[in-house]
Amino acid sequence: RREQSSNSHVDEVICQALEWQLDPDLVRQVAEAIPYGDPDLEADE
């Protein structure tokens, strides 16, 4: 159940979006919300 589960990792959502047919609107919201629009999702700053 959702309320007992953890939030998904952003990089996994983006990597699996097409293969697992995740909602493209939600995936786009996730991608747009990444700080600095970092496409590599490397939190290395």
All heavy atoms as atom14 arrays in JSON, in Angstrom:
{
  "sequence": "RREQSSNSHVDEVICQALEWQLDPDLVRQVAEAIPYGDPDLEADE",
  "atom14_mask": [
    [1, 1, 1, 1, 1, 1, 1, 1, 1, 1, 1, 0, 0, 0],
    [1, 1, 1, 1, 1, 1, 1, 1, 1, 1, 1, 0, 0, 0],
    [1, 1, 1, 1, 1, 1, 1, 1, 1, 0, 0, 0, 0, 0],
    [1, 1, 1, 1, 1, 1, 1, 1, 1, 0, 0, 0, 0, 0],
    [1, 1, 1, 1, 1, 1, 0, 0, 0, 0, 0, 0, 0, 0],
    [1, 1, 1, 1, 1, 1, 0, 0, 0, 0, 0, 0, 0, 0],
    [1, 1, 1, 1, 1, 1, 1, 1, 0, 0, 0, 0, 0, 0],
    [1, 1, 1, 1, 1, 1, 0, 0, 0, 0, 0, 0, 0, 0],
    [1, 1, 1, 1, 1, 1, 1, 1, 1, 1, 0, 0, 0, 0],
    [1, 1, 1, 1, 1, 1, 1, 0, 0, 0, 0, 0, 0, 0],
    [1, 1, 1, 1, 1, 1, 1, 1, 0, 0, 0, 0, 0, 0],
    [1, 1, 1, 1, 1, 1, 1, 1, 1, 0, 0, 0, 0, 0],
    [1, 1, 1, 1, 1, 1, 1, 0, 0, 0, 0, 0, 0, 0],
    [1, 1, 1, 1, 1, 1, 1, 1, 0, 0, 0, 0, 0, 0],
    [1, 1, 1, 1, 1, 1, 0, 0, 0, 0, 0, 0, 0, 0],
    [1, 1, 1, 1, 1, 1, 1, 1, 1, 0, 0, 0, 0, 0],
    [1, 1, 1, 1, 1, 0, 0, 0, 0, 0, 0, 0, 0, 0],
    [1, 1, 1, 1, 1, 1, 1, 1, 0, 0, 0, 0, 0, 0],
    [1, 1, 1, 1, 1, 1, 1, 1, 1, 0, 0, 0, 0, 0],
    [1, 1, 1, 1, 1, 1, 1, 1, 1, 1, 1, 1, 1, 1],
    [1, 1, 1, 1, 1, 1, 1, 1, 1, 0, 0, 0, 0, 0],
    [1, 1, 1, 1, 1, 1, 1, 1, 0, 0, 0, 0, 0, 0],
    [1, 1, 1, 1, 1, 1, 1, 1, 0, 0, 0, 0, 0, 0],
    [1, 1, 1, 1, 1, 1, 1, 0, 0, 0, 0, 0, 0, 0],
    [1, 1, 1, 1, 1, 1, 1, 1, 0, 0, 0, 0, 0, 0],
    [1, 1, 1, 1, 1, 1, 1, 1, 0, 0, 0, 0, 0, 0],
    [1, 1, 1, 1, 1, 1, 1, 0, 0, 0, 0, 0, 0, 0],
    [1, 1, 1, 1, 1, 1, 1, 1, 1, 1, 1, 0, 0, 0],
    [1, 1, 1, 1, 1, 1, 1, 1, 1, 0, 0, 0, 0, 0],
    [1, 1, 1, 1, 1, 1, 1, 0, 0, 0, 0, 0, 0, 0],
    [1, 1, 1, 1, 1, 0, 0, 0, 0, 0, 0, 0, 0, 0],
    [1, 1, 1, 1, 1, 1, 1, 1, 1, 0, 0, 0, 0, 0],
    [1, 1, 1, 1, 1, 0, 0, 0, 0, 0, 0, 0, 0, 0],
    [1, 1, 1, 1, 1, 1, 1, 1, 0, 0, 0, 0, 0, 0],
    [1, 1, 1, 1, 1, 1, 1, 0, 0, 0, 0, 0, 0, 0],
    [1, 1, 1, 1, 1, 1, 1, 1, 1, 1, 1, 1, 0, 0],
    [1, 1, 1, 1, 0, 0, 0, 0, 0, 0, 0, 0, 0, 0],
    [1, 1, 1, 1, 1, 1, 1, 1, 0, 0, 0, 0, 0, 0],
    [1, 1, 1, 1, 1, 1, 1, 0, 0, 0, 0, 0, 0, 0],
    [1, 1, 1, 1, 1, 1, 1, 1, 0, 0, 0, 0, 0, 0],
    [1, 1, 1, 1, 1, 1, 1, 1, 0, 0, 0, 0, 0, 0],
    [1, 1, 1, 1, 1, 1, 1, 1, 1, 0, 0, 0, 0, 0],
    [1, 1, 1, 1, 1, 0, 0, 0, 0, 0, 0, 0, 0, 0],
    [1, 1, 1, 1, 1, 1, 1, 1, 0, 0, 0, 0, 0, 0],
    [1, 1, 1, 1, 1, 1, 1, 1, 1, 0, 0, 0, 0, 0]
  ],
  "atom14_positions": [
    [[0.83, -1.19, 0.0], [0.0, 0.0, 0.0], [0.87, 1.25, 0.0], [1.93, 1.28, 0.62], [-0.94, -0.02, 1.2], [-1.92, -1.18, 1.16], [-2.93, -1.15, 2.28], [-3.78, 0.03, 2.24], [-4.84, 0.18, 1.43], [-5.15, -0.77, 0.59], [-5.57, 1.29, 1.48], [0.0, 0.0, 0.0], [0.0, 0.0, 0.0], [0.0, 0.0, 0.0]],
    [[0.37, 2.27, -0.69], [1.11, 3.52, -0.87], [1.56, 4.11, 0.45], [2.72, 4.52, 0.6], [0.24, 4.51, -1.64], [0.89, 5.86, -1.86], [-0.07, 6.83, -2.52], [-1.16, 7.16, -1.6], [-2.36, 7.58, -1.96], [-2.65, 7.71, -3.22], [-3.27, 7.89, -1.06], [0.0, 0.0, 0.0], [0.0, 0.0, 0.0], [0.0, 0.0, 0.0]],
    [[0.66, 4.15, 1.44], [1.0, 4.87, 2.67], [2.09, 4.15, 3.48], [2.69, 4.74, 4.35], [-0.24, 5.15, 3.51], [-0.94, 3.92, 4.05], [-2.04, 3.4, 3.13], [-2.12, 3.86, 1.96], [-2.82, 2.54, 3.57], [0.0, 0.0, 0.0], [0.0, 0.0, 0.0], [0.0, 0.0, 0.0], [0.0, 0.0, 0.0], [0.0, 0.0, 0.0]],
    [[2.33, 2.87, 3.2], [3.4, 2.16, 3.9], [4.66, 2.02, 3.05], [5.6, 1.33, 3.43], [2.93, 0.75, 4.3], [2.13, 0.71, 5.58], [0.69, 0.27, 5.36], [0.41, -0.5, 4.46], [-0.22, 0.79, 6.16], [0.0, 0.0, 0.0], [0.0, 0.0, 0.0], [0.0, 0.0, 0.0], [0.0, 0.0, 0.0], [0.0, 0.0, 0.0]],
    [[4.67, 2.66, 1.9], [5.77, 2.49, 0.96], [6.58, 3.76, 0.83], [6.13, 4.84, 1.2], [5.21, 2.09, -0.41], [4.45, 0.9, -0.29], [0.0, 0.0, 0.0], [0.0, 0.0, 0.0], [0.0, 0.0, 0.0], [0.0, 0.0, 0.0], [0.0, 0.0, 0.0], [0.0, 0.0, 0.0], [0.0, 0.0, 0.0], [0.0, 0.0, 0.0]],
    [[7.78, 3.62, 0.31], [8.64, 4.79, 0.17], [8.47, 5.44, -1.2], [8.06, 4.79, -2.16], [10.11, 4.4, 0.38], [10.48, 3.41, -0.55], [0.0, 0.0, 0.0], [0.0, 0.0, 0.0], [0.0, 0.0, 0.0], [0.0, 0.0, 0.0], [0.0, 0.0, 0.0], [0.0, 0.0, 0.0], [0.0, 0.0, 0.0], [0.0, 0.0, 0.0]],
    [[8.79, 6.72, -1.25], [8.75, 7.44, -2.52], [9.8, 6.86, -3.47], [10.85, 6.39, -3.03], [9.02, 8.93, -2.3], [7.87, 9.63, -1.61], [6.76, 9.11, -1.53], [8.12, 10.81, -1.09], [0.0, 0.0, 0.0], [0.0, 0.0, 0.0], [0.0, 0.0, 0.0], [0.0, 0.0, 0.0], [0.0, 0.0, 0.0], [0.0, 0.0, 0.0]],
    [[9.49, 6.92, -4.75], [10.41, 6.37, -5.75], [11.63, 7.25, -5.94], [11.57, 8.47, -5.75], [9.68, 6.25, -7.1], [8.58, 5.37, -7.0], [0.0, 0.0, 0.0], [0.0, 0.0, 0.0], [0.0, 0.0, 0.0], [0.0, 0.0, 0.0], [0.0, 0.0, 0.0], [0.0, 0.0, 0.0], [0.0, 0.0, 0.0], [0.0, 0.0, 0.0]],
    [[12.73, 6.62, -6.34], [13.93, 7.37, -6.7], [13.71, 8.0, -8.07], [13.24, 7.34, -9.0], [15.15, 6.43, -6.78], [15.64, 5.99, -5.45], [16.97, 5.87, -5.17], [15.0, 5.64, -4.32], [17.13, 5.47, -3.92], [15.94, 5.32, -3.38], [0.0, 0.0, 0.0], [0.0, 0.0, 0.0], [0.0, 0.0, 0.0], [0.0, 0.0, 0.0]],
    [[14.06, 9.28, -8.19], [13.84, 10.03, -9.43], [14.56, 9.36, -10.6], [13.98, 9.23, -11.69], [14.32, 11.49, -9.25], [14.43, 12.2, -10.58], [13.35, 12.24, -8.34], [0.0, 0.0, 0.0], [0.0, 0.0, 0.0], [0.0, 0.0, 0.0], [0.0, 0.0, 0.0], [0.0, 0.0, 0.0], [0.0, 0.0, 0.0], [0.0, 0.0, 0.0]],
    [[15.82, 8.95, -10.4], [16.55, 8.37, -11.53], [15.89, 7.08, -12.02], [15.84, 6.81, -13.22], [18.03, 8.15, -11.2], [18.25, 7.3, -9.96], [17.29, 7.06, -9.2], [19.4, 6.88, -9.75], [0.0, 0.0, 0.0], [0.0, 0.0, 0.0], [0.0, 0.0, 0.0], [0.0, 0.0, 0.0], [0.0, 0.0, 0.0], [0.0, 0.0, 0.0]],
    [[15.31, 6.28, -11.09], [14.63, 5.06, -11.49], [13.35, 5.37, -12.26], [13.04, 4.7, -13.24], [14.32, 4.19, -10.28], [15.55, 3.62, -9.62], [15.23, 2.76, -8.39], [14.04, 2.61, -8.05], [16.19, 2.25, -7.79], [0.0, 0.0, 0.0], [0.0, 0.0, 0.0], [0.0, 0.0, 0.0], [0.0, 0.0, 0.0], [0.0, 0.0, 0.0]],
    [[12.61, 6.39, -11.8], [11.38, 6.78, -12.51], [11.71, 7.15, -13.95], [11.07, 6.68, -14.9], [10.69, 7.97, -11.8], [9.61, 8.58, -12.68], [10.11, 7.53, -10.46], [0.0, 0.0, 0.0], [0.0, 0.0, 0.0], [0.0, 0.0, 0.0], [0.0, 0.0, 0.0], [0.0, 0.0, 0.0], [0.0, 0.0, 0.0], [0.0, 0.0, 0.0]],
    [[12.74, 7.97, -14.13], [13.08, 8.44, -15.47], [13.63, 7.3, -16.33], [13.26, 7.16, -17.5], [14.04, 9.64, -15.38], [13.24, 10.83, -14.83], [14.67, 9.95, -16.73], [14.05, 12.03, -14.47], [0.0, 0.0, 0.0], [0.0, 0.0, 0.0], [0.0, 0.0, 0.0], [0.0, 0.0, 0.0], [0.0, 0.0, 0.0], [0.0, 0.0, 0.0]],
    [[14.47, 6.44, -15.74], [15.04, 5.32, -16.49], [13.97, 4.32, -16.94], [14.07, 3.74, -18.02], [16.1, 4.6, -15.67], [17.61, 5.53, -15.47], [0.0, 0.0, 0.0], [0.0, 0.0, 0.0], [0.0, 0.0, 0.0], [0.0, 0.0, 0.0], [0.0, 0.0, 0.0], [0.0, 0.0, 0.0], [0.0, 0.0, 0.0], [0.0, 0.0, 0.0]],
    [[12.97, 4.09, -16.1], [11.97, 3.05, -16.37], [10.7, 3.6, -17.01], [9.79, 2.85, -17.32], [11.59, 2.33, -15.07], [12.75, 1.7, -14.33], [13.45, 0.61, -15.13], [12.92, 0.1, -16.11], [14.66, 0.26, -14.72], [0.0, 0.0, 0.0], [0.0, 0.0, 0.0], [0.0, 0.0, 0.0], [0.0, 0.0, 0.0], [0.0, 0.0, 0.0]],
    [[10.62, 4.91, -17.22], [9.38, 5.54, -17.66], [8.78, 4.89, -18.91], [7.6, 4.58, -18.95], [9.61, 7.04, -17.9], [0.0, 0.0, 0.0], [0.0, 0.0, 0.0], [0.0, 0.0, 0.0], [0.0, 0.0, 0.0], [0.0, 0.0, 0.0], [0.0, 0.0, 0.0], [0.0, 0.0, 0.0], [0.0, 0.0, 0.0], [0.0, 0.0, 0.0]],
    [[9.61, 4.68, -19.93], [9.08, 4.12, -21.18], [8.79, 2.63, -21.05], [7.71, 2.18, -21.39], [10.09, 4.35, -22.31], [10.16, 5.78, -22.83], [11.3, 5.92, -23.84], [8.84, 6.18, -23.45], [0.0, 0.0, 0.0], [0.0, 0.0, 0.0], [0.0, 0.0, 0.0], [0.0, 0.0, 0.0], [0.0, 0.0, 0.0], [0.0, 0.0, 0.0]],
    [[9.75, 1.88, -20.52], [9.59, 0.43, -20.46], [8.39, 0.03, -19.61], [7.64, -0.88, -19.95], [10.87, -0.2, -19.89], [10.86, -1.72, -19.93], [12.1, -2.33, -19.3], [13.1, -1.61, -19.08], [12.06, -3.53, -19.01], [0.0, 0.0, 0.0], [0.0, 0.0, 0.0], [0.0, 0.0, 0.0], [0.0, 0.0, 0.0], [0.0, 0.0, 0.0]],
    [[8.2, 0.71, -18.47], [7.1, 0.35, -17.57], [5.85, 1.2, -17.83], [4.89, 1.13, -17.08], [7.55, 0.49, -16.12], [8.63, -0.48, -15.74], [9.13, -1.5, -16.5], [9.33, -0.53, -14.5], [10.1, -2.16, -15.8], [10.25, -1.6, -14.58], [9.27, 0.23, -13.33], [11.1, -1.93, -13.53], [10.12, -0.1, -12.3], [11.03, -1.17, -12.39]],
    [[5.88, 2.01, -18.89], [4.73, 2.83, -19.3], [4.19, 3.68, -18.15], [2.99, 3.69, -17.87], [3.63, 1.95, -19.89], [4.12, 1.19, -21.11], [3.06, 0.28, -21.71], [2.0, 0.06, -21.14], [3.34, -0.24, -22.89], [0.0, 0.0, 0.0], [0.0, 0.0, 0.0], [0.0, 0.0, 0.0], [0.0, 0.0, 0.0], [0.0, 0.0, 0.0]],
    [[5.1, 4.39, -17.49], [4.69, 5.3, -16.42], [4.02, 6.52, -17.04], [4.31, 6.89, -18.17], [5.9, 5.72, -15.59], [6.67, 4.57, -14.92], [7.9, 5.11, -14.19], [5.78, 3.79, -13.98], [0.0, 0.0, 0.0], [0.0, 0.0, 0.0], [0.0, 0.0, 0.0], [0.0, 0.0, 0.0], [0.0, 0.0, 0.0], [0.0, 0.0, 0.0]],
    [[3.13, 7.14, -16.29], [2.37, 8.3, -16.76], [3.32, 9.4, -17.25], [4.07, 9.97, -16.45], [1.51, 8.81, -15.61], [0.63, 9.98, -16.01], [1.09, 10.87, -16.77], [-0.52, 10.04, -15.55], [0.0, 0.0, 0.0], [0.0, 0.0, 0.0], [0.0, 0.0, 0.0], [0.0, 0.0, 0.0], [0.0, 0.0, 0.0], [0.0, 0.0, 0.0]],
    [[3.29, 9.7, -18.56], [4.25, 10.67, -19.1], [4.12, 12.07, -18.52], [5.12, 12.78, -18.38], [3.97, 10.68, -20.61], [2.7, 9.94, -20.81], [2.42, 9.12, -19.59], [0.0, 0.0, 0.0], [0.0, 0.0, 0.0], [0.0, 0.0, 0.0], [0.0, 0.0, 0.0], [0.0, 0.0, 0.0], [0.0, 0.0, 0.0], [0.0, 0.0, 0.0]],
    [[2.91, 12.47, -18.14], [2.74, 13.79, -17.53], [3.42, 13.86, -16.17], [4.08, 14.84, -15.84], [1.25, 14.14, -17.37], [0.58, 14.42, -18.72], [1.3, 14.83, -19.66], [-0.63, 14.22, -18.83], [0.0, 0.0, 0.0], [0.0, 0.0, 0.0], [0.0, 0.0, 0.0], [0.0, 0.0, 0.0], [0.0, 0.0, 0.0], [0.0, 0.0, 0.0]],
    [[3.26, 12.79, -15.38], [3.92, 12.76, -14.07], [5.43, 12.69, -14.22], [6.17, 13.36, -13.5], [3.43, 11.57, -13.25], [2.0, 11.63, -12.71], [1.66, 10.37, -11.93], [1.81, 12.86, -11.84], [0.0, 0.0, 0.0], [0.0, 0.0, 0.0], [0.0, 0.0, 0.0], [0.0, 0.0, 0.0], [0.0, 0.0, 0.0], [0.0, 0.0, 0.0]],
    [[5.9, 11.88, -15.17], [7.34, 11.75, -15.39], [7.91, 13.12, -15.79], [8.98, 13.51, -15.32], [7.65, 10.68, -16.46], [9.12, 10.69, -16.84], [7.23, 9.3, -15.95], [0.0, 0.0, 0.0], [0.0, 0.0, 0.0], [0.0, 0.0, 0.0], [0.0, 0.0, 0.0], [0.0, 0.0, 0.0], [0.0, 0.0, 0.0], [0.0, 0.0, 0.0]],
    [[7.18, 13.85, -16.62], [7.64, 15.18, -17.04], [7.71, 16.12, -15.83], [8.68, 16.87, -15.68], [6.74, 15.77, -18.13], [7.34, 17.03, -18.78], [6.42, 17.67, -19.81], [5.26, 18.27, -19.15], [4.02, 17.8, -19.25], [3.76, 16.72, -19.96], [3.03, 18.39, -18.61], [0.0, 0.0, 0.0], [0.0, 0.0, 0.0], [0.0, 0.0, 0.0]],
    [[6.71, 16.05, -14.96], [6.73, 16.89, -13.75], [7.95, 16.56, -12.89], [8.6, 17.46, -12.34], [5.47, 16.66, -12.9], [4.21, 17.28, -13.48], [3.02, 16.96, -12.59], [3.07, 17.15, -11.39], [1.95, 16.48, -13.19], [0.0, 0.0, 0.0], [0.0, 0.0, 0.0], [0.0, 0.0, 0.0], [0.0, 0.0, 0.0], [0.0, 0.0, 0.0]],
    [[8.27, 15.28, -12.78], [9.43, 14.86, -12.0], [10.7, 15.43, -12.64], [11.53, 16.04, -11.97], [9.51, 13.31, -11.92], [10.85, 12.87, -11.34], [8.37, 12.77, -11.08], [0.0, 0.0, 0.0], [0.0, 0.0, 0.0], [0.0, 0.0, 0.0], [0.0, 0.0, 0.0], [0.0, 0.0, 0.0], [0.0, 0.0, 0.0], [0.0, 0.0, 0.0]],
    [[10.84, 15.25, -13.95], [12.04, 15.71, -14.65], [12.21, 17.22, -14.53], [13.32, 17.71, -14.33], [11.97, 15.29, -16.12], [0.0, 0.0, 0.0], [0.0, 0.0, 0.0], [0.0, 0.0, 0.0], [0.0, 0.0, 0.0], [0.0, 0.0, 0.0], [0.0, 0.0, 0.0], [0.0, 0.0, 0.0], [0.0, 0.0, 0.0], [0.0, 0.0, 0.0]],
    [[11.09, 17.95, -14.62], [11.16, 19.41, -14.55], [11.47, 19.9, -13.14], [11.94, 21.01, -12.95], [9.84, 20.02, -15.03], [9.66, 19.9, -16.53], [8.27, 20.34, -16.99], [7.41, 20.63, -16.13], [8.06, 20.37, -18.22], [0.0, 0.0, 0.0], [0.0, 0.0, 0.0], [0.0, 0.0, 0.0], [0.0, 0.0, 0.0], [0.0, 0.0, 0.0]],
    [[11.22, 19.05, -12.14], [11.42, 19.48, -10.75], [12.83, 19.21, -10.24], [13.18, 19.64, -9.16], [10.41, 18.75, -9.84], [0.0, 0.0, 0.0], [0.0, 0.0, 0.0], [0.0, 0.0, 0.0], [0.0, 0.0, 0.0], [0.0, 0.0, 0.0], [0.0, 0.0, 0.0], [0.0, 0.0, 0.0], [0.0, 0.0, 0.0], [0.0, 0.0, 0.0]],
    [[13.63, 18.51, -11.04], [15.0, 18.23, -10.6], [15.76, 19.55, -10.52], [15.77, 20.32, -11.46], [15.71, 17.29, -11.59], [14.95, 15.97, -11.69], [17.16, 17.04, -11.15], [15.33, 15.18, -12.9], [0.0, 0.0, 0.0], [0.0, 0.0, 0.0], [0.0, 0.0, 0.0], [0.0, 0.0, 0.0], [0.0, 0.0, 0.0], [0.0, 0.0, 0.0]],
    [[16.42, 19.82, -9.39], [17.16, 21.07, -9.25], [18.19, 21.24, -10.37], [18.87, 20.3, -10.73], [17.85, 20.94, -7.89], [17.0, 19.96, -7.15], [16.45, 19.01, -8.18], [0.0, 0.0, 0.0], [0.0, 0.0, 0.0], [0.0, 0.0, 0.0], [0.0, 0.0, 0.0], [0.0, 0.0, 0.0], [0.0, 0.0, 0.0], [0.0, 0.0, 0.0]],
    [[18.25, 22.44, -10.9], [19.19, 22.82, -11.95], [18.97, 22.05, -13.25], [19.81, 22.1, -14.13], [20.65, 22.64, -11.5], [20.89, 23.11, -10.09], [21.28, 22.22, -9.1], [20.68, 24.43, -9.75], [21.48, 22.64, -7.79], [20.87, 24.87, -8.44], [21.27, 23.97, -7.47], [21.45, 24.38, -6.19], [0.0, 0.0, 0.0], [0.0, 0.0, 0.0]],
    [[17.87, 21.28, -13.34], [17.62, 20.52, -14.55], [18.74, 19.56, -14.89], [19.04, 19.35, -16.05], [0.0, 0.0, 0.0], [0.0, 0.0, 0.0], [0.0, 0.0, 0.0], [0.0, 0.0, 0.0], [0.0, 0.0, 0.0], [0.0, 0.0, 0.0], [0.0, 0.0, 0.0], [0.0, 0.0, 0.0], [0.0, 0.0, 0.0], [0.0, 0.0, 0.0]],
    [[19.38, 18.99, -13.89], [20.52, 18.11, -14.1], [20.08, 16.8, -14.74], [19.38, 16.01, -14.13], [21.17, 17.83, -12.74], [22.4, 16.96, -12.84], [22.7, 16.48, -13.96], [23.06, 16.77, -11.82], [0.0, 0.0, 0.0], [0.0, 0.0, 0.0], [0.0, 0.0, 0.0], [0.0, 0.0, 0.0], [0.0, 0.0, 0.0], [0.0, 0.0, 0.0]],
    [[20.46, 16.56, -15.99], [19.98, 15.36, -16.67], [20.62, 14.08, -16.13], [20.07, 13.0, -16.28], [20.41, 15.57, -18.13], [21.57, 16.5, -18.04], [21.34, 17.36, -16.82], [0.0, 0.0, 0.0], [0.0, 0.0, 0.0], [0.0, 0.0, 0.0], [0.0, 0.0, 0.0], [0.0, 0.0, 0.0], [0.0, 0.0, 0.0], [0.0, 0.0, 0.0]],
    [[21.77, 14.18, -15.5], [22.45, 12.99, -14.99], [21.97, 12.62, -13.59], [22.33, 11.56, -13.08], [23.97, 13.21, -14.96], [24.52, 13.44, -16.35], [23.97, 12.83, -17.3], [25.46, 14.22, -16.49], [0.0, 0.0, 0.0], [0.0, 0.0, 0.0], [0.0, 0.0, 0.0], [0.0, 0.0, 0.0], [0.0, 0.0, 0.0], [0.0, 0.0, 0.0]],
    [[21.21, 13.51, -12.96], [20.69, 13.27, -11.62], [21.8, 12.99, -10.62], [21.62, 12.29, -9.65], [19.72, 12.08, -11.62], [18.55, 12.22, -12.57], [17.75, 10.93, -12.59], [17.66, 13.36, -12.14], [0.0, 0.0, 0.0], [0.0, 0.0, 0.0], [0.0, 0.0, 0.0], [0.0, 0.0, 0.0], [0.0, 0.0, 0.0], [0.0, 0.0, 0.0]],
    [[22.98, 13.5, -10.89], [24.08, 13.31, -9.95], [24.04, 14.44, -8.94], [24.26, 15.59, -9.28], [25.43, 13.33, -10.68], [25.67, 12.09, -11.5], [25.79, 10.84, -10.63], [26.35, 10.94, -9.52], [25.33, 9.78, -11.06], [0.0, 0.0, 0.0], [0.0, 0.0, 0.0], [0.0, 0.0, 0.0], [0.0, 0.0, 0.0], [0.0, 0.0, 0.0]],
    [[23.75, 14.1, -7.7], [23.71, 15.11, -6.66], [25.14, 15.31, -6.16], [25.52, 14.82, -5.12], [22.8, 14.67, -5.53], [0.0, 0.0, 0.0], [0.0, 0.0, 0.0], [0.0, 0.0, 0.0], [0.0, 0.0, 0.0], [0.0, 0.0, 0.0], [0.0, 0.0, 0.0], [0.0, 0.0, 0.0], [0.0, 0.0, 0.0], [0.0, 0.0, 0.0]],
    [[25.95, 15.98, -6.97], [27.37, 16.01, -6.63], [27.88, 17.43, -6.44], [28.99, 17.74, -6.81], [28.18, 15.29, -7.72], [28.01, 15.92, -9.1], [27.26, 16.91, -9.21], [28.62, 15.45, -10.05], [0.0, 0.0, 0.0], [0.0, 0.0, 0.0], [0.0, 0.0, 0.0], [0.0, 0.0, 0.0], [0.0, 0.0, 0.0], [0.0, 0.0, 0.0]],
    [[27.03, 18.3, -5.92], [27.47, 19.67, -5.68], [27.51, 19.92, -4.19], [26.79, 19.3, -3.43], [26.48, 20.66, -6.32], [26.38, 20.52, -7.83], [27.7, 20.72, -8.53], [28.46, 21.63, -8.14], [27.99, 19.97, -9.47], [0.0, 0.0, 0.0], [0.0, 0.0, 0.0], [0.0, 0.0, 0.0], [0.0, 0.0, 0.0], [0.0, 0.0, 0.0]]
  ]
}
